[in-house]
PDB file of N, CA and C in Angstrom:
ATOM      1  N   UNK A   1     112.490  82.439  97.166  1.00  0.00           N
ATOM      2  CA  UNK A   1     111.949  82.603  98.493  1.00  0.00           C
ATOM      3  C   UNK A   1     110.670  81.772  98.604  1.00  0.00           C
ATOM      4  N   UNK A   2     110.690  80.817  99.507  1.00  0.00           N
ATOM      5  CA  UNK A   2     109.559  79.920  99.680  1.00  0.00           C
ATOM      6  C   UNK A   2     108.656  80.415 100.803  1.00  0.00           C
ATOM      7  N   UNK A   3     107.363  80.416 100.541  1.00  0.00           N
ATOM      8  CA  UNK A   3     106.389  80.860 101.533  1.00  0.00           C
ATOM      9  C   UNK A   3     105.536  79.683 101.956  1.00  0.00           C
ATOM     10  N   UNK A   4     105.030  79.742 103.179  1.00  0.00           N
ATOM     11  CA  UNK A   4     104.118  78.704 103.634  1.00  0.00           C
ATOM     12  C   UNK A   4     102.765  78.923 102.973  1.00  0.00           C
ATOM     13  N   UNK A   5     101.925  77.898 103.051  1.00  0.00           N
ATOM     14  CA  UNK A   5     100.582  78.013 102.484  1.00  0.00           C
ATOM     15  C   UNK A   5      99.804  79.130 103.179  1.00  0.00           C
ATOM     16  N   UNK A   6      99.963  79.258 104.489  1.00  0.00           N
ATOM     17  CA  UNK A   6      99.251  80.312 105.221  1.00  0.00           C
ATOM     18  C   UNK A   6      99.707  81.701 104.764  1.00  0.00           C
ATOM     19  N   UNK A   7     100.988  81.872 104.484  1.00  0.00           N
ATOM     20  CA  UNK A   7     101.498  83.150 103.978  1.00  0.00           C
ATOM     21  C   UNK A   7     100.933  83.450 102.593  1.00  0.00           C
ATOM     22  N   UNK A   8     100.807  82.404 101.769  1.00  0.00           N
ATOM     23  CA  UNK A   8     100.227  82.600 100.435  1.00  0.00           C
ATOM     24  C   UNK A   8      98.754  82.984 100.529  1.00  0.00           C
ATOM     25  N   UNK A   9      98.024  82.391 101.461  1.00  0.00           N
ATOM     26  CA  UNK A   9      96.623  82.773 101.666  1.00  0.00           C
ATOM     27  C   UNK A   9      96.553  84.259 101.997  1.00  0.00           C
ATOM     28  N   UNK A  10      97.430  84.711 102.886  1.00  0.00           N
ATOM     29  CA  UNK A  10      97.453  86.135 103.250  1.00  0.00           C
ATOM     30  C   UNK A  10      97.729  87.021 102.038  1.00  0.00           C
ATOM     31  N   UNK A  11      98.665  86.613 101.171  1.00  0.00           N
ATOM     32  CA  UNK A  11      98.963  87.383  99.958  1.00  0.00           C
ATOM     33  C   UNK A  11      97.750  87.478  99.041  1.00  0.00           C
ATOM     34  N   UNK A  12      97.054  86.356  98.882  1.00  0.00           N
ATOM     35  CA  UNK A  12      95.876  86.356  98.012  1.00  0.00           C
ATOM     36  C   UNK A  12      94.737  87.188  98.600  1.00  0.00           C
ATOM     37  N   UNK A  13      94.593  87.170  99.916  1.00  0.00           N
ATOM     38  CA  UNK A  13      93.572  88.018 100.545  1.00  0.00           C
ATOM     39  C   UNK A  13      93.915  89.490 100.321  1.00  0.00           C
ATOM     40  N   UNK A  14      95.183  89.853 100.495  1.00  0.00           N
ATOM     41  CA  UNK A  14      95.611  91.231 100.229  1.00  0.00           C
ATOM     42  C   UNK A  14      95.351  91.612  98.775  1.00  0.00           C
ATOM     43  N   UNK A  15      95.648  90.703  97.866  1.00  0.00           N
ATOM     44  CA  UNK A  15      95.426  90.967  96.442  1.00  0.00           C
ATOM     45  C   UNK A  15      93.945  91.183  96.170  1.00  0.00           C
ATOM     46  N   UNK A  16      93.108  90.359  96.782  1.00  0.00           N
ATOM     47  CA  UNK A  16      91.658  90.477  96.597  1.00  0.00           C
ATOM     48  C   UNK A  16      91.169  91.839  97.087  1.00  0.00           C
ATOM     49  N   UNK A  17      91.655  92.248  98.253  1.00  0.00           N
ATOM     50  CA  UNK A  17      91.274  93.556  98.806  1.00  0.00           C
ATOM     51  C   UNK A  17      91.741  94.683  97.897  1.00  0.00           C
ATOM     52  N   UNK A  18      92.995  94.600  97.436  1.00  0.00           N
ATOM     53  CA  UNK A  18      93.538  95.637  96.548  1.00  0.00           C
ATOM     54  C   UNK A  18      92.734  95.749  95.257  1.00  0.00           C
ATOM     55  N   UNK A  19      92.445  94.612  94.645  1.00  0.00           N
ATOM     56  CA  UNK A  19      91.719  94.612  93.373  1.00  0.00           C
ATOM     57  C   UNK A  19      90.304  95.156  93.571  1.00  0.00           C
ATOM     58  N   UNK A  20      89.665  94.776  94.669  1.00  0.00           N
ATOM     59  CA  UNK A  20      88.326  95.295  94.945  1.00  0.00           C
ATOM     60  C   UNK A  20      88.341  96.803  95.185  1.00  0.00           C
ATOM     61  N   UNK A  21      89.485  97.325  95.638  1.00  0.00           N
ATOM     62  CA  UNK A  21      89.631  98.763  95.853  1.00  0.00           C
ATOM     63  C   UNK A  21      90.062  99.496  94.580  1.00  0.00           C
ATOM     64  N   UNK A  22      90.174  98.757  93.462  1.00  0.00           N
ATOM     65  CA  UNK A  22      90.526  99.382  92.194  1.00  0.00           C
ATOM     66  C   UNK A  22      92.013  99.450  91.916  1.00  0.00           C
ATOM     67  N   UNK A  23      92.817  98.803  92.728  1.00  0.00           N
ATOM     68  CA  UNK A  23      94.265  98.796  92.531  1.00  0.00           C
ATOM     69  C   UNK A  23      94.661  97.540  91.760  1.00  0.00           C
ATOM     70  N   UNK A  24      95.906  97.511  91.320  1.00  0.00           N
ATOM     71  CA  UNK A  24      96.457  96.276  90.773  1.00  0.00           C
ATOM     72  C   UNK A  24      97.469  95.770  91.786  1.00  0.00           C
ATOM     73  N   UNK A  25      97.777  94.492  91.707  1.00  0.00           N
ATOM     74  CA  UNK A  25      98.720  93.898  92.649  1.00  0.00           C
ATOM     75  C   UNK A  25      99.574  92.870  91.921  1.00  0.00           C
ATOM     76  N   UNK A  26     100.710  92.514  92.507  1.00  0.00           N
ATOM     77  CA  UNK A  26     101.626  91.557  91.902  1.00  0.00           C
ATOM     78  C   UNK A  26     101.863  90.412  92.883  1.00  0.00           C
ATOM     79  N   UNK A  27     101.686  89.177  92.401  1.00  0.00           N
ATOM     80  CA  UNK A  27     101.978  87.977  93.188  1.00  0.00           C
ATOM     81  C   UNK A  27     102.899  87.112  92.346  1.00  0.00           C
ATOM     82  N   UNK A  28     104.051  86.782  92.917  1.00  0.00           N
ATOM     83  CA  UNK A  28     105.034  85.941  92.217  1.00  0.00           C
ATOM     84  C   UNK A  28     105.328  86.449  90.812  1.00  0.00           C
ATOM     85  N   UNK A  29     105.462  87.757  90.658  1.00  0.00           N
ATOM     86  CA  UNK A  29     105.821  88.349  89.378  1.00  0.00           C
ATOM     87  C   UNK A  29     104.678  88.540  88.400  1.00  0.00           C
ATOM     88  N   UNK A  30     103.459  88.138  88.773  1.00  0.00           N
ATOM     89  CA  UNK A  30     102.288  88.305  87.897  1.00  0.00           C
ATOM     90  C   UNK A  30     101.452  89.457  88.378  1.00  0.00           C
ATOM     91  N   UNK A  31     101.067  90.329  87.463  1.00  0.00           N
ATOM     92  CA  UNK A  31     100.226  91.468  87.822  1.00  0.00           C
ATOM     93  C   UNK A  31      98.758  91.099  87.668  1.00  0.00           C
ATOM     94  N   UNK A  32      97.973  91.421  88.694  1.00  0.00           N
ATOM     95  CA  UNK A  32      96.545  91.143  88.701  1.00  0.00           C
ATOM     96  C   UNK A  32      95.773  92.451  88.796  1.00  0.00           C
ATOM     97  N   UNK A  33      94.680  92.533  88.046  1.00  0.00           N
ATOM     98  CA  UNK A  33      93.786  93.692  88.088  1.00  0.00           C
ATOM     99  C   UNK A  33      92.366  93.196  88.311  1.00  0.00           C
ATOM    100  N   UNK A  34      91.400  94.097  88.247  1.00  0.00           N
ATOM    101  CA  UNK A  34      90.001  93.735  88.506  1.00  0.00           C
ATOM    102  C   UNK A  34      89.523  92.592  87.602  1.00  0.00           C
ATOM    103  N   UNK A  35      90.052  92.521  86.405  1.00  0.00           N
ATOM    104  CA  UNK A  35      89.644  91.464  85.487  1.00  0.00           C
ATOM    105  C   UNK A  35      90.069  90.090  85.987  1.00  0.00           C
ATOM    106  N   UNK A  36      91.022  90.028  86.898  1.00  0.00           N
ATOM    107  CA  UNK A  36      91.553  88.763  87.396  1.00  0.00           C
ATOM    108  C   UNK A  36      90.948  88.338  88.729  1.00  0.00           C
ATOM    109  N   UNK A  37      89.870  88.961  89.158  1.00  0.00           N
ATOM    110  CA  UNK A  37      89.321  88.679  90.479  1.00  0.00           C
ATOM    111  C   UNK A  37      88.979  87.200  90.655  1.00  0.00           C
ATOM    112  N   UNK A  38      88.381  86.577  89.662  1.00  0.00           N
ATOM    113  CA  UNK A  38      88.044  85.150  89.765  1.00  0.00           C
ATOM    114  C   UNK A  38      89.312  84.312  89.908  1.00  0.00           C
ATOM    115  N   UNK A  39      90.347  84.685  89.184  1.00  0.00           N
ATOM    116  CA  UNK A  39      91.622  83.980  89.258  1.00  0.00           C
ATOM    117  C   UNK A  39      92.234  84.113  90.651  1.00  0.00           C
ATOM    118  N   UNK A  40      92.152  85.307  91.213  1.00  0.00           N
ATOM    119  CA  UNK A  40      92.682  85.552  92.559  1.00  0.00           C
ATOM    120  C   UNK A  40      91.914  84.716  93.572  1.00  0.00           C
ATOM    121  N   UNK A  41      90.599  84.704  93.452  1.00  0.00           N
ATOM    122  CA  UNK A  41      89.782  83.922  94.395  1.00  0.00           C
ATOM    123  C   UNK A  41      90.070  82.433  94.271  1.00  0.00           C
ATOM    124  N   UNK A  42      90.245  81.943  93.054  1.00  0.00           N
ATOM    125  CA  UNK A  42      90.573  80.530  92.854  1.00  0.00           C
ATOM    126  C   UNK A  42      91.933  80.204  93.475  1.00  0.00           C
ATOM    127  N   UNK A  43      92.886  81.100  93.312  1.00  0.00           N
ATOM    128  CA  UNK A  43      94.208  80.914  93.912  1.00  0.00           C
ATOM    129  C   UNK A  43      94.137  80.901  95.430  1.00  0.00           C
ATOM    130  N   UNK A  44      93.355  81.816  95.994  1.00  0.00           N
ATOM    131  CA  UNK A  44      93.190  81.869  97.448  1.00  0.00           C
ATOM    132  C   UNK A  44      92.576  80.571  97.959  1.00  0.00           C
ATOM    133  N   UNK A  45      91.552  80.076  97.269  1.00  0.00           N
ATOM    134  CA  UNK A  45      90.898  78.846  97.703  1.00  0.00           C
ATOM    135  C   UNK A  45      91.855  77.655  97.648  1.00  0.00           C
ATOM    136  N   UNK A  46      92.674  77.603  96.615  1.00  0.00           N
ATOM    137  CA  UNK A  46      93.667  76.531  96.509  1.00  0.00           C
ATOM    138  C   UNK A  46      94.660  76.595  97.663  1.00  0.00           C
ATOM    139  N   UNK A  47      95.147  77.797  97.982  1.00  0.00           N
ATOM    140  CA  UNK A  47      96.106  77.935  99.071  1.00  0.00           C
ATOM    141  C   UNK A  47      95.450  77.705 100.428  1.00  0.00           C
ATOM    142  N   UNK A  48      94.159  78.008 100.562  1.00  0.00           N
ATOM    143  CA  UNK A  48      93.455  77.689 101.804  1.00  0.00           C
ATOM    144  C   UNK A  48      93.394  76.177 101.998  1.00  0.00           C
ATOM    145  N   UNK A  49      93.148  75.432 100.913  1.00  0.00           N
ATOM    146  CA  UNK A  49      93.142  73.962 101.000  1.00  0.00           C
ATOM    147  C   UNK A  49      94.520  73.445 101.420  1.00  0.00           C
ATOM    148  N   UNK A  50      95.557  74.021 100.838  1.00  0.00           N
ATOM    149  CA  UNK A  50      96.921  73.596 101.183  1.00  0.00           C
ATOM    150  C   UNK A  50      97.242  73.931 102.640  1.00  0.00           C
ATOM    151  N   UNK A  51      96.824  75.107 103.094  1.00  0.00           N
ATOM    152  CA  UNK A  51      97.078  75.514 104.479  1.00  0.00           C
ATOM    153  C   UNK A  51      96.368  74.567 105.443  1.00  0.00           C
ATOM    154  N   UNK A  52      95.145  74.190 105.117  1.00  0.00           N
ATOM    155  CA  UNK A  52      94.400  73.249 105.953  1.00  0.00           C
ATOM    156  C   UNK A  52      95.111  71.904 105.997  1.00  0.00           C
ATOM    157  N   UNK A  53      95.578  71.444 104.847  1.00  0.00           N
ATOM    158  CA  UNK A  53      96.300  70.171 104.786  1.00  0.00           C
ATOM    159  C   UNK A  53      97.577  70.231 105.617  1.00  0.00           C
ATOM    160  N   UNK A  54      98.317  71.354 105.561  1.00  0.00           N
ATOM    161  CA  UNK A  54      99.534  71.508 106.359  1.00  0.00           C
ATOM    162  C   UNK A  54      99.209  71.474 107.848  1.00  0.00           C
ATOM    163  N   UNK A  55      98.132  72.144 108.234  1.00  0.00           N
ATOM    164  CA  UNK A  55      97.727  72.190 109.641  1.00  0.00           C
ATOM    165  C   UNK A  55      97.349  70.798 110.128  1.00  0.00           C
ATOM    166  N   UNK A  56      96.576  70.080 109.327  1.00  0.00           N
ATOM    167  CA  UNK A  56      96.172  68.728 109.703  1.00  0.00           C
ATOM    168  C   UNK A  56      97.381  67.795 109.795  1.00  0.00           C
ATOM    169  N   UNK A  57      98.293  67.924 108.845  1.00  0.00           N
ATOM    170  CA  UNK A  57      99.492  67.085 108.847  1.00  0.00           C
ATOM    171  C   UNK A  57     100.327  67.352 110.093  1.00  0.00           C
ATOM    172  N   UNK A  58     100.472  68.622 110.453  1.00  0.00           N
ATOM    173  CA  UNK A  58     101.244  68.978 111.638  1.00  0.00           C
ATOM    174  C   UNK A  58     100.587  68.436 112.907  1.00  0.00           C
ATOM    175  N   UNK A  59      99.273  68.310 112.899  1.00  0.00           N
ATOM    176  CA  UNK A  59      98.540  67.794 114.050  1.00  0.00           C
ATOM    177  C   UNK A  59      98.441  66.266 114.019  1.00  0.00           C
ATOM    178  N   UNK A  60      98.997  65.648 112.990  1.00  0.00           N
ATOM    179  CA  UNK A  60      98.960  64.197 112.868  1.00  0.00           C
ATOM    180  C   UNK A  60      97.622  63.666 112.404  1.00  0.00           C
ATOM    181  N   UNK A  61      96.855  64.507 111.763  1.00  0.00           N
ATOM    182  CA  UNK A  61      95.546  64.103 111.267  1.00  0.00           C
ATOM    183  C   UNK A  61      95.564  64.103 109.747  1.00  0.00           C
ATOM    184  N   UNK A  62      94.538  63.546 109.164  1.00  0.00           N
ATOM    185  CA  UNK A  62      94.421  63.582 107.708  1.00  0.00           C
ATOM    186  C   UNK A  62      93.057  64.143 107.332  1.00  0.00           C
ATOM    187  N   UNK A  63      92.973  64.790 106.175  1.00  0.00           N
ATOM    188  CA  UNK A  63      91.686  65.368 105.770  1.00  0.00           C
ATOM    189  C   UNK A  63      90.662  64.292 105.467  1.00  0.00           C
ATOM    190  N   UNK A  64      89.441  64.585 105.708  1.00  0.00           N
ATOM    191  CA  UNK A  64      88.368  63.658 105.421  1.00  0.00           C
ATOM    192  C   UNK A  64      87.206  63.906 106.365  1.00  0.00           C
ATOM    193  N   UNK A  65      86.157  63.151 106.183  1.00  0.00           N
ATOM    194  CA  UNK A  65      84.979  63.362 107.021  1.00  0.00           C
ATOM    195  C   UNK A  65      85.233  62.891 108.456  1.00  0.00           C
ATOM    196  N   UNK A  66      84.584  63.531 109.391  1.00  0.00           N
ATOM    197  CA  UNK A  66      84.655  63.116 110.784  1.00  0.00           C
ATOM    198  C   UNK A  66      83.490  62.173 111.051  1.00  0.00           C
ATOM    199  N   UNK A  67      83.751  61.103 111.744  1.00  0.00           N
ATOM    200  CA  UNK A  67      82.715  60.141 112.039  1.00  0.00           C
ATOM    201  C   UNK A  67      82.353  60.199 113.523  1.00  0.00           C
ATOM    202  N   UNK A  68      81.089  60.126 113.809  1.00  0.00           N
ATOM    203  CA  UNK A  68      80.630  60.150 115.188  1.00  0.00           C
ATOM    204  C   UNK A  68      80.920  58.821 115.867  1.00  0.00           C
ATOM    205  N   UNK A  69      81.230  58.882 117.142  1.00  0.00           N
ATOM    206  CA  UNK A  69      81.464  57.689 117.933  1.00  0.00           C
ATOM    207  C   UNK A  69      80.371  57.633 118.991  1.00  0.00           C
ATOM    208  N   UNK A  70      79.475  56.670 118.893  1.00  0.00           N
ATOM    209  CA  UNK A  70      78.311  56.578 119.784  1.00  0.00           C
ATOM    210  C   UNK A  70      78.509  55.525 120.870  1.00  0.00           C
ATOM    211  N   UNK A  71      79.664  55.508 121.495  1.00  0.00           N
ATOM    212  CA  UNK A  71      79.925  54.552 122.591  1.00  0.00           C
ATOM    213  C   UNK A  71      79.320  55.022 123.879  1.00  0.00           C
TER     214      UNK A  71
END
């Protein structure tokens, strides 16, 4: 089952909330607990980058700095 980057971001946010509440959670067959909080946050950040890239690609744009136009 393939998920979009935005769906994966949502899963990682849920996992982060669960772990902060003292629960454990499972993502793609891996169990995460409080000890994995940094790993969960790193995963969320990676999927946020991918989601941004997908959004930009769909809009016909590419990631990078925006330049001012002073015409």
